[in-house]
């Protein structure tokens, strides 16, 4: 009769928890890119018409699919790091990806609300 020997997991549970958090943050980011930016674009068209928006806002409105790509890229990198990495510090990399996603969200929020705060 064989006895089951417990082997230490290659991937600590905290790596997967961090990856799950990355998925939640990335889903929030993706929602803002796909749903909120078009709403702000319509609002700005109604409010300002042909006036030029601040450069950062124009950048977000015109290049949002670049940011959508990044919203998909962060979790892809995260799963690669957690699943395929033999490094025991994979959680640090995943937390770095969470930070990058939060910076992207912050950049988007600032860019979207800037025309409402500053005189154009």
PDB file of N, CA and C in Angstrom:
ATOM      1  N   UNK A   1       0.831  -1.170   0.000  1.00  0.00           N
ATOM      2  CA  UNK A   1       0.000   0.000   0.000  1.00  0.00           C
ATOM      3  C   UNK A   1       0.887   1.249   0.000  1.00  0.00           C
ATOM      4  N   UNK A   2       0.629   2.135  -0.963  1.00  0.00           N
ATOM      5  CA  UNK A   2       1.416   3.352  -1.059  1.00  0.00           C
ATOM      6  C   UNK A   2       0.853   4.424  -0.140  1.00  0.00           C
ATOM      7  N   UNK A   3       1.751   5.151   0.453  1.00  0.00           N
ATOM      8  CA  UNK A   3       1.311   6.291   1.261  1.00  0.00           C
ATOM      9  C   UNK A   3       1.557   7.564   0.459  1.00  0.00           C
ATOM     10  N   UNK A   4       0.638   8.472   0.572  1.00  0.00           N
ATOM     11  CA  UNK A   4       0.755   9.741  -0.132  1.00  0.00           C
ATOM     12  C   UNK A   4       1.696  10.658   0.643  1.00  0.00           C
ATOM     13  N   UNK A   5       2.721  11.105  -0.039  1.00  0.00           N
ATOM     14  CA  UNK A   5       3.668  12.014   0.579  1.00  0.00           C
ATOM     15  C   UNK A   5       3.348  13.410   0.088  1.00  0.00           C
ATOM     16  N   UNK A   6       3.232  14.302   1.004  1.00  0.00           N
ATOM     17  CA  UNK A   6       2.929  15.684   0.642  1.00  0.00           C
ATOM     18  C   UNK A   6       4.211  16.385   0.222  1.00  0.00           C
ATOM     19  N   UNK A   7       4.197  16.899  -0.992  1.00  0.00           N
ATOM     20  CA  UNK A   7       5.346  17.646  -1.490  1.00  0.00           C
ATOM     21  C   UNK A   7       5.045  19.128  -1.403  1.00  0.00           C
ATOM     22  N   UNK A   8       6.070  19.923  -1.123  1.00  0.00           N
ATOM     23  CA  UNK A   8       5.824  21.359  -1.106  1.00  0.00           C
ATOM     24  C   UNK A   8       5.398  21.826  -2.502  1.00  0.00           C
ATOM     25  N   UNK A   9       4.433  22.688  -2.534  1.00  0.00           N
ATOM     26  CA  UNK A   9       3.911  23.179  -3.804  1.00  0.00           C
ATOM     27  C   UNK A   9       4.953  24.041  -4.501  1.00  0.00           C
ATOM     28  N   UNK A  10       4.990  23.903  -5.813  1.00  0.00           N
ATOM     29  CA  UNK A  10       5.895  24.730  -6.603  1.00  0.00           C
ATOM     30  C   UNK A  10       5.454  26.194  -6.544  1.00  0.00           C
ATOM     31  N   UNK A  11       4.158  26.382  -6.439  1.00  0.00           N
ATOM     32  CA  UNK A  11       3.594  27.721  -6.424  1.00  0.00           C
ATOM     33  C   UNK A  11       2.888  27.960  -5.093  1.00  0.00           C
ATOM     34  N   UNK A  12       3.445  28.823  -4.259  1.00  0.00           N
ATOM     35  CA  UNK A  12       2.780  29.105  -2.977  1.00  0.00           C
ATOM     36  C   UNK A  12       1.393  29.704  -3.205  1.00  0.00           C
ATOM     37  N   UNK A  13       0.467  29.451  -2.289  1.00  0.00           N
ATOM     38  CA  UNK A  13      -0.898  29.969  -2.458  1.00  0.00           C
ATOM     39  C   UNK A  13      -0.948  31.492  -2.590  1.00  0.00           C
ATOM     40  N   UNK A  14      -0.040  32.190  -1.953  1.00  0.00           N
ATOM     41  CA  UNK A  14      -0.052  33.651  -2.034  1.00  0.00           C
ATOM     42  C   UNK A  14       0.228  34.138  -3.448  1.00  0.00           C
ATOM     43  N   UNK A  15       0.972  33.382  -4.228  1.00  0.00           N
ATOM     44  CA  UNK A  15       1.182  33.741  -5.633  1.00  0.00           C
ATOM     45  C   UNK A  15      -0.142  33.747  -6.376  1.00  0.00           C
ATOM     46  N   UNK A  16      -0.966  32.726  -6.108  1.00  0.00           N
ATOM     47  CA  UNK A  16      -2.256  32.631  -6.788  1.00  0.00           C
ATOM     48  C   UNK A  16      -3.229  33.688  -6.279  1.00  0.00           C
ATOM     49  N   UNK A  17      -3.140  34.025  -4.990  1.00  0.00           N
ATOM     50  CA  UNK A  17      -3.986  35.095  -4.446  1.00  0.00           C
ATOM     51  C   UNK A  17      -3.610  36.417  -5.098  1.00  0.00           C
ATOM     52  N   UNK A  18      -2.317  36.667  -5.228  1.00  0.00           N
ATOM     53  CA  UNK A  18      -1.872  37.895  -5.889  1.00  0.00           C
ATOM     54  C   UNK A  18      -2.320  37.911  -7.342  1.00  0.00           C
ATOM     55  N   UNK A  19      -2.260  36.759  -8.009  1.00  0.00           N
ATOM     56  CA  UNK A  19      -2.720  36.695  -9.398  1.00  0.00           C
ATOM     57  C   UNK A  19      -4.216  36.961  -9.488  1.00  0.00           C
ATOM     58  N   UNK A  20      -4.996  36.429  -8.548  1.00  0.00           N
ATOM     59  CA  UNK A  20      -6.444  36.690  -8.530  1.00  0.00           C
ATOM     60  C   UNK A  20      -6.717  38.183  -8.336  1.00  0.00           C
ATOM     61  N   UNK A  21      -5.951  38.821  -7.473  1.00  0.00           N
ATOM     62  CA  UNK A  21      -6.087  40.269  -7.282  1.00  0.00           C
ATOM     63  C   UNK A  21      -5.729  41.014  -8.562  1.00  0.00           C
ATOM     64  N   UNK A  22      -4.703  40.542  -9.248  1.00  0.00           N
ATOM     65  CA  UNK A  22      -4.337  41.139 -10.536  1.00  0.00           C
ATOM     66  C   UNK A  22      -5.484  41.016 -11.535  1.00  0.00           C
ATOM     67  N   UNK A  23      -6.163  39.873 -11.549  1.00  0.00           N
ATOM     68  CA  UNK A  23      -7.306  39.693 -12.445  1.00  0.00           C
ATOM     69  C   UNK A  23      -8.433  40.679 -12.120  1.00  0.00           C
ATOM     70  N   UNK A  24      -8.707  40.884 -10.845  1.00  0.00           N
ATOM     71  CA  UNK A  24      -9.765  41.813 -10.436  1.00  0.00           C
ATOM     72  C   UNK A  24      -9.410  43.237 -10.841  1.00  0.00           C
ATOM     73  N   UNK A  25      -8.183  43.632 -10.579  1.00  0.00           N
ATOM     74  CA  UNK A  25      -7.747  44.992 -10.924  1.00  0.00           C
ATOM     75  C   UNK A  25      -7.751  45.168 -12.440  1.00  0.00           C
ATOM     76  N   UNK A  26      -7.314  44.170 -13.179  1.00  0.00           N
ATOM     77  CA  UNK A  26      -7.304  44.251 -14.640  1.00  0.00           C
ATOM     78  C   UNK A  26      -8.717  44.284 -15.209  1.00  0.00           C
ATOM     79  N   UNK A  27      -9.642  43.540 -14.601  1.00  0.00           N
ATOM     80  CA  UNK A  27     -11.033  43.578 -15.058  1.00  0.00           C
ATOM     81  C   UNK A  27     -11.633  44.966 -14.832  1.00  0.00           C
ATOM     82  N   UNK A  28     -11.301  45.588 -13.707  1.00  0.00           N
ATOM     83  CA  UNK A  28     -11.755  46.960 -13.442  1.00  0.00           C
ATOM     84  C   UNK A  28     -11.185  47.907 -14.483  1.00  0.00           C
ATOM     85  N   UNK A  29      -9.926  47.738 -14.776  1.00  0.00           N
ATOM     86  CA  UNK A  29      -9.268  48.561 -15.783  1.00  0.00           C
ATOM     87  C   UNK A  29      -9.917  48.362 -17.152  1.00  0.00           C
ATOM     88  N   UNK A  30     -10.178  47.136 -17.496  1.00  0.00           N
ATOM     89  CA  UNK A  30     -10.798  46.818 -18.782  1.00  0.00           C
ATOM     90  C   UNK A  30     -12.201  47.422 -18.875  1.00  0.00           C
ATOM     91  N   UNK A  31     -12.960  47.343 -17.801  1.00  0.00           N
ATOM     92  CA  UNK A  31     -14.294  47.944 -17.776  1.00  0.00           C
ATOM     93  C   UNK A  31     -14.199  49.448 -18.029  1.00  0.00           C
ATOM     94  N   UNK A  32     -13.255  50.105 -17.379  1.00  0.00           N
ATOM     95  CA  UNK A  32     -13.131  51.555 -17.567  1.00  0.00           C
ATOM     96  C   UNK A  32     -12.737  51.883 -19.000  1.00  0.00           C
ATOM     97  N   UNK A  33     -11.907  51.054 -19.599  1.00  0.00           N
ATOM     98  CA  UNK A  33     -11.474  51.324 -20.970  1.00  0.00           C
ATOM     99  C   UNK A  33     -12.607  51.105 -21.980  1.00  0.00           C
ATOM    100  N   UNK A  34     -13.378  50.073 -21.781  1.00  0.00           N
ATOM    101  CA  UNK A  34     -14.397  49.716 -22.771  1.00  0.00           C
ATOM    102  C   UNK A  34     -15.733  50.420 -22.557  1.00  0.00           C
ATOM    103  N   UNK A  35     -16.083  50.735 -21.319  1.00  0.00           N
ATOM    104  CA  UNK A  35     -17.400  51.319 -21.055  1.00  0.00           C
ATOM    105  C   UNK A  35     -17.347  52.801 -20.709  1.00  0.00           C
ATOM    106  N   UNK A  36     -16.409  53.200 -19.848  1.00  0.00           N
ATOM    107  CA  UNK A  36     -16.415  54.577 -19.365  1.00  0.00           C
ATOM    108  C   UNK A  36     -15.823  55.571 -20.349  1.00  0.00           C
ATOM    109  N   UNK A  37     -14.790  55.195 -21.058  1.00  0.00           N
ATOM    110  CA  UNK A  37     -14.170  56.137 -21.998  1.00  0.00           C
ATOM    111  C   UNK A  37     -15.146  56.560 -23.091  1.00  0.00           C
ATOM    112  N   UNK A  38     -15.918  55.658 -23.708  1.00  0.00           N
ATOM    113  CA  UNK A  38     -16.896  56.127 -24.701  1.00  0.00           C
ATOM    114  C   UNK A  38     -17.944  57.080 -24.114  1.00  0.00           C
ATOM    115  N   UNK A  39     -18.322  56.853 -22.865  1.00  0.00           N
ATOM    116  CA  UNK A  39     -19.281  57.760 -22.217  1.00  0.00           C
ATOM    117  C   UNK A  39     -18.671  59.148 -22.071  1.00  0.00           C
ATOM    118  N   UNK A  40     -17.424  59.215 -21.596  1.00  0.00           N
ATOM    119  CA  UNK A  40     -16.753  60.501 -21.468  1.00  0.00           C
ATOM    120  C   UNK A  40     -16.555  61.156 -22.836  1.00  0.00           C
ATOM    121  N   UNK A  41     -16.296  60.365 -23.836  1.00  0.00           N
ATOM    122  CA  UNK A  41     -16.116  60.909 -25.185  1.00  0.00           C
ATOM    123  C   UNK A  41     -17.401  61.584 -25.670  1.00  0.00           C
ATOM    124  N   UNK A  42     -18.543  60.968 -25.435  1.00  0.00           N
ATOM    125  CA  UNK A  42     -19.825  61.582 -25.808  1.00  0.00           C
ATOM    126  C   UNK A  42     -20.084  62.855 -25.003  1.00  0.00           C
ATOM    127  N   UNK A  43     -19.774  62.809 -23.713  1.00  0.00           N
ATOM    128  CA  UNK A  43     -19.959  63.994 -22.870  1.00  0.00           C
ATOM    129  C   UNK A  43     -19.103  65.143 -23.381  1.00  0.00           C
ATOM    130  N   UNK A  44     -17.856  64.861 -23.706  1.00  0.00           N
ATOM    131  CA  UNK A  44     -16.966  65.924 -24.186  1.00  0.00           C
ATOM    132  C   UNK A  44     -17.399  66.447 -25.547  1.00  0.00           C
ATOM    133  N   UNK A  45     -17.915  65.591 -26.403  1.00  0.00           N
ATOM    134  CA  UNK A  45     -18.442  66.058 -27.690  1.00  0.00           C
ATOM    135  C   UNK A  45     -19.624  66.995 -27.479  1.00  0.00           C
ATOM    136  N   UNK A  46     -20.488  66.667 -26.518  1.00  0.00           N
ATOM    137  CA  UNK A  46     -21.643  67.523 -26.231  1.00  0.00           C
ATOM    138  C   UNK A  46     -21.231  68.828 -25.557  1.00  0.00           C
ATOM    139  N   UNK A  47     -20.302  68.746 -24.617  1.00  0.00           N
ATOM    140  CA  UNK A  47     -19.901  69.941 -23.864  1.00  0.00           C
ATOM    141  C   UNK A  47     -19.001  70.886 -24.648  1.00  0.00           C
ATOM    142  N   UNK A  48     -18.008  70.336 -25.313  1.00  0.00           N
ATOM    143  CA  UNK A  48     -16.961  71.170 -25.893  1.00  0.00           C
ATOM    144  C   UNK A  48     -16.991  71.231 -27.410  1.00  0.00           C
ATOM    145  N   UNK A  49     -17.725  70.356 -28.041  1.00  0.00           N
ATOM    146  CA  UNK A  49     -17.806  70.368 -29.497  1.00  0.00           C
ATOM    147  C   UNK A  49     -16.447  70.182 -30.145  1.00  0.00           C
ATOM    148  N   UNK A  50     -16.029  71.186 -30.889  1.00  0.00           N
ATOM    149  CA  UNK A  50     -14.775  71.104 -31.647  1.00  0.00           C
ATOM    150  C   UNK A  50     -13.565  71.652 -30.889  1.00  0.00           C
ATOM    151  N   UNK A  51     -13.749  72.097 -29.647  1.00  0.00           N
ATOM    152  CA  UNK A  51     -12.612  72.616 -28.869  1.00  0.00           C
ATOM    153  C   UNK A  51     -11.605  71.498 -28.627  1.00  0.00           C
ATOM    154  N   UNK A  52     -10.352  71.895 -28.567  1.00  0.00           N
ATOM    155  CA  UNK A  52      -9.295  70.922 -28.294  1.00  0.00           C
ATOM    156  C   UNK A  52      -9.291  70.546 -26.819  1.00  0.00           C
ATOM    157  N   UNK A  53      -9.216  69.279 -26.556  1.00  0.00           N
ATOM    158  CA  UNK A  53      -9.103  68.779 -25.187  1.00  0.00           C
ATOM    159  C   UNK A  53      -7.633  68.794 -24.784  1.00  0.00           C
ATOM    160  N   UNK A  54      -7.343  68.712 -23.484  1.00  0.00           N
ATOM    161  CA  UNK A  54      -5.939  68.601 -23.065  1.00  0.00           C
ATOM    162  C   UNK A  54      -5.270  67.402 -23.749  1.00  0.00           C
ATOM    163  N   UNK A  55      -3.988  67.523 -24.031  1.00  0.00           N
ATOM    164  CA  UNK A  55      -3.291  66.435 -24.757  1.00  0.00           C
ATOM    165  C   UNK A  55      -3.421  65.058 -24.089  1.00  0.00           C
ATOM    166  N   UNK A  56      -3.347  65.018 -22.785  1.00  0.00           N
ATOM    167  CA  UNK A  56      -3.430  63.724 -22.088  1.00  0.00           C
ATOM    168  C   UNK A  56      -4.809  63.093 -22.292  1.00  0.00           C
ATOM    169  N   UNK A  57      -5.853  63.921 -22.316  1.00  0.00           N
ATOM    170  CA  UNK A  57      -7.209  63.405 -22.530  1.00  0.00           C
ATOM    171  C   UNK A  57      -7.379  62.933 -23.969  1.00  0.00           C
ATOM    172  N   UNK A  58      -6.879  63.722 -24.903  1.00  0.00           N
ATOM    173  CA  UNK A  58      -6.948  63.310 -26.313  1.00  0.00           C
ATOM    174  C   UNK A  58      -6.207  61.996 -26.535  1.00  0.00           C
ATOM    175  N   UNK A  59      -5.073  61.860 -25.870  1.00  0.00           N
ATOM    176  CA  UNK A  59      -4.287  60.638 -25.990  1.00  0.00           C
ATOM    177  C   UNK A  59      -5.098  59.431 -25.517  1.00  0.00           C
ATOM    178  N   UNK A  60      -5.736  59.554 -24.351  1.00  0.00           N
ATOM    179  CA  UNK A  60      -6.539  58.443 -23.818  1.00  0.00           C
ATOM    180  C   UNK A  60      -7.722  58.133 -24.737  1.00  0.00           C
ATOM    181  N   UNK A  61      -8.387  59.176 -25.227  1.00  0.00           N
ATOM    182  CA  UNK A  61      -9.569  58.953 -26.060  1.00  0.00           C
ATOM    183  C   UNK A  61      -9.219  58.322 -27.402  1.00  0.00           C
ATOM    184  N   UNK A  62      -8.088  58.717 -27.976  1.00  0.00           N
ATOM    185  CA  UNK A  62      -7.728  58.214 -29.301  1.00  0.00           C
ATOM    186  C   UNK A  62      -6.952  56.895 -29.264  1.00  0.00           C
ATOM    187  N   UNK A  63      -6.257  56.643 -28.194  1.00  0.00           N
ATOM    188  CA  UNK A  63      -5.421  55.445 -28.114  1.00  0.00           C
ATOM    189  C   UNK A  63      -5.911  54.479 -27.039  1.00  0.00           C
ATOM    190  N   UNK A  64      -7.198  54.451 -26.788  1.00  0.00           N
ATOM    191  CA  UNK A  64      -7.699  53.602 -25.705  1.00  0.00           C
ATOM    192  C   UNK A  64      -7.478  52.123 -25.975  1.00  0.00           C
ATOM    193  N   UNK A  65      -7.433  51.713 -27.231  1.00  0.00           N
ATOM    194  CA  UNK A  65      -7.232  50.291 -27.508  1.00  0.00           C
ATOM    195  C   UNK A  65      -5.808  49.839 -27.186  1.00  0.00           C
ATOM    196  N   UNK A  66      -4.881  50.771 -27.153  1.00  0.00           N
ATOM    197  CA  UNK A  66      -3.546  50.457 -26.644  1.00  0.00           C
ATOM    198  C   UNK A  66      -3.646  50.101 -25.158  1.00  0.00           C
ATOM    199  N   UNK A  67      -4.439  50.869 -24.425  1.00  0.00           N
ATOM    200  CA  UNK A  67      -4.617  50.603 -23.000  1.00  0.00           C
ATOM    201  C   UNK A  67      -5.452  49.346 -22.762  1.00  0.00           C
ATOM    202  N   UNK A  68      -6.378  49.049 -23.650  1.00  0.00           N
ATOM    203  CA  UNK A  68      -7.123  47.786 -23.566  1.00  0.00           C
ATOM    204  C   UNK A  68      -6.152  46.617 -23.740  1.00  0.00           C
ATOM    205  N   UNK A  69      -5.226  46.756 -24.669  1.00  0.00           N
ATOM    206  CA  UNK A  69      -4.215  45.707 -24.877  1.00  0.00           C
ATOM    207  C   UNK A  69      -3.391  45.498 -23.612  1.00  0.00           C
ATOM    208  N   UNK A  70      -3.020  46.606 -22.969  1.00  0.00           N
ATOM    209  CA  UNK A  70      -2.266  46.489 -21.718  1.00  0.00           C
ATOM    210  C   UNK A  70      -3.096  45.818 -20.630  1.00  0.00           C
ATOM    211  N   UNK A  71      -4.398  46.101 -20.609  1.00  0.00           N
ATOM    212  CA  UNK A  71      -5.268  45.481 -19.610  1.00  0.00           C
ATOM    213  C   UNK A  71      -5.319  43.964 -19.787  1.00  0.00           C
ATOM    214  N   UNK A  72      -5.166  43.486 -21.006  1.00  0.00           N
ATOM    215  CA  UNK A  72      -5.087  42.042 -21.249  1.00  0.00           C
ATOM    216  C   UNK A  72      -3.670  41.508 -21.031  1.00  0.00           C
ATOM    217  N   UNK A  73      -2.686  42.351 -21.278  1.00  0.00           N
ATOM    218  CA  UNK A  73      -1.294  41.920 -21.183  1.00  0.00           C
ATOM    219  C   UNK A  73      -0.856  41.666 -19.743  1.00  0.00           C
ATOM    220  N   UNK A  74      -1.276  42.525 -18.803  1.00  0.00           N
ATOM    221  CA  UNK A  74      -0.836  42.358 -17.409  1.00  0.00           C
ATOM    222  C   UNK A  74      -1.194  40.984 -16.857  1.00  0.00           C
ATOM    223  N   UNK A  75      -2.451  40.510 -16.980  1.00  0.00           N
ATOM    224  CA  UNK A  75      -2.748  39.162 -16.461  1.00  0.00           C
ATOM    225  C   UNK A  75      -2.023  38.051 -17.224  1.00  0.00           C
ATOM    226  N   UNK A  76      -1.809  38.254 -18.524  1.00  0.00           N
ATOM    227  CA  UNK A  76      -1.084  37.233 -19.296  1.00  0.00           C
ATOM    228  C   UNK A  76       0.342  37.085 -18.772  1.00  0.00           C
ATOM    229  N   UNK A  77       0.973  38.195 -18.500  1.00  0.00           N
ATOM    230  CA  UNK A  77       2.328  38.146 -17.930  1.00  0.00           C
ATOM    231  C   UNK A  77       2.271  37.520 -16.536  1.00  0.00           C
ATOM    232  N   UNK A  78       1.227  37.898 -15.772  1.00  0.00           N
ATOM    233  CA  UNK A  78       1.089  37.363 -14.416  1.00  0.00           C
ATOM    234  C   UNK A  78       0.938  35.859 -14.390  1.00  0.00           C
ATOM    235  N   UNK A  79       0.114  35.303 -15.268  1.00  0.00           N
ATOM    236  CA  UNK A  79      -0.062  33.843 -15.282  1.00  0.00           C
ATOM    237  C   UNK A  79       1.218  33.161 -15.736  1.00  0.00           C
ATOM    238  N   UNK A  80       1.911  33.781 -16.665  1.00  0.00           N
ATOM    239  CA  UNK A  80       3.186  33.212 -17.111  1.00  0.00           C
ATOM    240  C   UNK A  80       4.174  33.172 -15.951  1.00  0.00           C
ATOM    241  N   UNK A  81       4.247  34.262 -15.192  1.00  0.00           N
ATOM    242  CA  UNK A  81       5.190  34.330 -14.077  1.00  0.00           C
ATOM    243  C   UNK A  81       4.820  33.326 -12.988  1.00  0.00           C
ATOM    244  N   UNK A  82       3.553  33.276 -12.621  1.00  0.00           N
ATOM    245  CA  UNK A  82       3.145  32.396 -11.527  1.00  0.00           C
ATOM    246  C   UNK A  82       3.229  30.923 -11.934  1.00  0.00           C
ATOM    247  N   UNK A  83       2.773  30.609 -13.125  1.00  0.00           N
ATOM    248  CA  UNK A  83       2.688  29.200 -13.507  1.00  0.00           C
ATOM    249  C   UNK A  83       4.024  28.631 -13.978  1.00  0.00           C
ATOM    250  N   UNK A  84       4.756  29.400 -14.773  1.00  0.00           N
ATOM    251  CA  UNK A  84       5.964  28.854 -15.389  1.00  0.00           C
ATOM    252  C   UNK A  84       7.253  29.214 -14.673  1.00  0.00           C
ATOM    253  N   UNK A  85       7.196  30.154 -13.762  1.00  0.00           N
ATOM    254  CA  UNK A  85       8.417  30.597 -13.101  1.00  0.00           C
ATOM    255  C   UNK A  85       8.850  29.589 -12.046  1.00  0.00           C
ATOM    256  N   UNK A  86      10.137  29.389 -11.977  1.00  0.00           N
ATOM    257  CA  UNK A  86      10.695  28.561 -10.909  1.00  0.00           C
ATOM    258  C   UNK A  86      11.201  29.456  -9.778  1.00  0.00           C
ATOM    259  N   UNK A  87      11.079  30.741  -9.968  1.00  0.00           N
ATOM    260  CA  UNK A  87      11.513  31.711  -8.972  1.00  0.00           C
ATOM    261  C   UNK A  87      10.546  31.696  -7.798  1.00  0.00           C
ATOM    262  N   UNK A  88      11.061  31.638  -6.602  1.00  0.00           N
ATOM    263  CA  UNK A  88      10.217  31.612  -5.406  1.00  0.00           C
ATOM    264  C   UNK A  88       9.661  32.994  -5.077  1.00  0.00           C
ATOM    265  N   UNK A  89      10.128  34.016  -5.754  1.00  0.00           N
ATOM    266  CA  UNK A  89       9.666  35.382  -5.496  1.00  0.00           C
ATOM    267  C   UNK A  89       8.709  35.865  -6.576  1.00  0.00           C
ATOM    268  N   UNK A  90       7.943  34.976  -7.143  1.00  0.00           N
ATOM    269  CA  UNK A  90       7.018  35.356  -8.215  1.00  0.00           C
ATOM    270  C   UNK A  90       5.993  36.370  -7.733  1.00  0.00           C
ATOM    271  N   UNK A  91       5.658  36.328  -6.453  1.00  0.00           N
ATOM    272  CA  UNK A  91       4.663  37.255  -5.926  1.00  0.00           C
ATOM    273  C   UNK A  91       5.122  38.702  -6.086  1.00  0.00           C
ATOM    274  N   UNK A  92       6.417  38.942  -5.989  1.00  0.00           N
ATOM    275  CA  UNK A  92       6.924  40.317  -6.168  1.00  0.00           C
ATOM    276  C   UNK A  92       6.652  40.820  -7.577  1.00  0.00           C
ATOM    277  N   UNK A  93       6.830  39.961  -8.551  1.00  0.00           N
ATOM    278  CA  UNK A  93       6.570  40.359  -9.935  1.00  0.00           C
ATOM    279  C   UNK A  93       5.078  40.609 -10.159  1.00  0.00           C
ATOM    280  N   UNK A  94       4.252  39.754  -9.585  1.00  0.00           N
ATOM    281  CA  UNK A  94       2.801  39.920  -9.741  1.00  0.00           C
ATOM    282  C   UNK A  94       2.343  41.195  -9.039  1.00  0.00           C
ATOM    283  N   UNK A  95       2.886  41.488  -7.870  1.00  0.00           N
ATOM    284  CA  UNK A  95       2.544  42.736  -7.197  1.00  0.00           C
ATOM    285  C   UNK A  95       3.012  43.942  -8.008  1.00  0.00           C
ATOM    286  N   UNK A  96       4.128  43.806  -8.697  1.00  0.00           N
ATOM    287  CA  UNK A  96       4.585  44.873  -9.597  1.00  0.00           C
ATOM    288  C   UNK A  96       3.609  45.080 -10.750  1.00  0.00           C
ATOM    289  N   UNK A  97       3.037  43.990 -11.259  1.00  0.00           N
ATOM    290  CA  UNK A  97       2.035  44.104 -12.317  1.00  0.00           C
ATOM    291  C   UNK A  97       0.752  44.754 -11.801  1.00  0.00           C
ATOM    292  N   UNK A  98       0.391  44.444 -10.560  1.00  0.00           N
ATOM    293  CA  UNK A  98      -0.773  45.097  -9.950  1.00  0.00           C
ATOM    294  C   UNK A  98      -0.512  46.591  -9.836  1.00  0.00           C
ATOM    295  N   UNK A  99       0.677  46.960  -9.415  1.00  0.00           N
ATOM    296  CA  UNK A  99       1.037  48.374  -9.323  1.00  0.00           C
ATOM    297  C   UNK A  99       0.989  49.045 -10.687  1.00  0.00           C
ATOM    298  N   UNK A 100       1.498  48.377 -11.718  1.00  0.00           N
ATOM    299  CA  UNK A 100       1.454  48.943 -13.074  1.00  0.00           C
ATOM    300  C   UNK A 100       0.009  49.142 -13.535  1.00  0.00           C
ATOM    301  N   UNK A 101      -0.864  48.196 -13.204  1.00  0.00           N
ATOM    302  CA  UNK A 101      -2.275  48.320 -13.571  1.00  0.00           C
ATOM    303  C   UNK A 101      -2.927  49.474 -12.823  1.00  0.00           C
ATOM    304  N   UNK A 102      -2.613  49.625 -11.548  1.00  0.00           N
ATOM    305  CA  UNK A 102      -3.170  50.745 -10.773  1.00  0.00           C
ATOM    306  C   UNK A 102      -2.669  52.086 -11.288  1.00  0.00           C
ATOM    307  N   UNK A 103      -1.421  52.141 -11.718  1.00  0.00           N
ATOM    308  CA  UNK A 103      -0.898  53.371 -12.324  1.00  0.00           C
ATOM    309  C   UNK A 103      -1.645  53.676 -13.613  1.00  0.00           C
ATOM    310  N   UNK A 104      -1.908  52.656 -14.402  1.00  0.00           N
ATOM    311  CA  UNK A 104      -2.664  52.844 -15.639  1.00  0.00           C
ATOM    312  C   UNK A 104      -4.075  53.359 -15.341  1.00  0.00           C
ATOM    313  N   UNK A 105      -4.722  52.814 -14.333  1.00  0.00           N
ATOM    314  CA  UNK A 105      -6.055  53.282 -13.952  1.00  0.00           C
ATOM    315  C   UNK A 105      -5.993  54.737 -13.488  1.00  0.00           C
ATOM    316  N   UNK A 106      -5.010  55.063 -12.674  1.00  0.00           N
ATOM    317  CA  UNK A 106      -4.850  56.437 -12.202  1.00  0.00           C
ATOM    318  C   UNK A 106      -4.619  57.409 -13.340  1.00  0.00           C
ATOM    319  N   UNK A 107      -3.780  57.029 -14.283  1.00  0.00           N
ATOM    320  CA  UNK A 107      -3.507  57.861 -15.459  1.00  0.00           C
ATOM    321  C   UNK A 107      -4.799  58.099 -16.244  1.00  0.00           C
ATOM    322  N   UNK A 108      -5.592  57.062 -16.408  1.00  0.00           N
ATOM    323  CA  UNK A 108      -6.845  57.169 -17.150  1.00  0.00           C
ATOM    324  C   UNK A 108      -7.836  58.084 -16.426  1.00  0.00           C
ATOM    325  N   UNK A 109      -7.964  57.925 -15.122  1.00  0.00           N
ATOM    326  CA  UNK A 109      -8.899  58.751 -14.353  1.00  0.00           C
ATOM    327  C   UNK A 109      -8.500  60.221 -14.418  1.00  0.00           C
ATOM    328  N   UNK A 110      -7.227  60.506 -14.237  1.00  0.00           N
ATOM    329  CA  UNK A 110      -6.757  61.892 -14.314  1.00  0.00           C
ATOM    330  C   UNK A 110      -7.029  62.463 -15.697  1.00  0.00           C
ATOM    331  N   UNK A 111      -6.725  61.696 -16.719  1.00  0.00           N
ATOM    332  CA  UNK A 111      -6.912  62.163 -18.091  1.00  0.00           C
ATOM    333  C   UNK A 111      -8.385  62.411 -18.400  1.00  0.00           C
ATOM    334  N   UNK A 112      -9.271  61.576 -17.900  1.00  0.00           N
ATOM    335  CA  UNK A 112     -10.692  61.717 -18.201  1.00  0.00           C
ATOM    336  C   UNK A 112     -11.329  62.884 -17.459  1.00  0.00           C
ATOM    337  N   UNK A 113     -10.894  63.152 -16.244  1.00  0.00           N
ATOM    338  CA  UNK A 113     -11.510  64.234 -15.479  1.00  0.00           C
ATOM    339  C   UNK A 113     -10.821  65.581 -15.668  1.00  0.00           C
ATOM    340  N   UNK A 114      -9.671  65.602 -16.296  1.00  0.00           N
ATOM    341  CA  UNK A 114      -8.928  66.848 -16.467  1.00  0.00           C
ATOM    342  C   UNK A 114      -9.740  67.938 -17.188  1.00  0.00           C
ATOM    343  N   UNK A 115     -10.431  67.651 -18.280  1.00  0.00           N
ATOM    344  CA  UNK A 115     -11.206  68.718 -18.945  1.00  0.00           C
ATOM    345  C   UNK A 115     -12.339  69.290 -18.095  1.00  0.00           C
ATOM    346  N   UNK A 116     -12.794  68.543 -17.118  1.00  0.00           N
ATOM    347  CA  UNK A 116     -13.854  69.026 -16.244  1.00  0.00           C
ATOM    348  C   UNK A 116     -13.320  69.930 -15.148  1.00  0.00           C
ATOM    349  N   UNK A 117     -12.023  69.852 -14.895  1.00  0.00           N
ATOM    350  CA  UNK A 117     -11.397  70.615 -13.826  1.00  0.00           C
ATOM    351  C   UNK A 117     -10.687  71.863 -14.341  1.00  0.00           C
ATOM    352  N   UNK A 118     -10.070  71.754 -15.505  1.00  0.00           N
ATOM    353  CA  UNK A 118      -9.267  72.829 -16.069  1.00  0.00           C
ATOM    354  C   UNK A 118     -10.073  73.567 -17.134  1.00  0.00           C
ATOM    355  N   UNK A 119      -9.870  74.861 -17.235  1.00  0.00           N
ATOM    356  CA  UNK A 119     -10.523  75.621 -18.306  1.00  0.00           C
ATOM    357  C   UNK A 119      -9.898  75.281 -19.643  1.00  0.00           C
ATOM    358  N   UNK A 120     -10.749  75.022 -20.607  1.00  0.00           N
ATOM    359  CA  UNK A 120     -10.253  74.691 -21.958  1.00  0.00           C
ATOM    360  C   UNK A 120     -10.319  75.926 -22.815  1.00  0.00           C
TER     361      UNK A 120
END
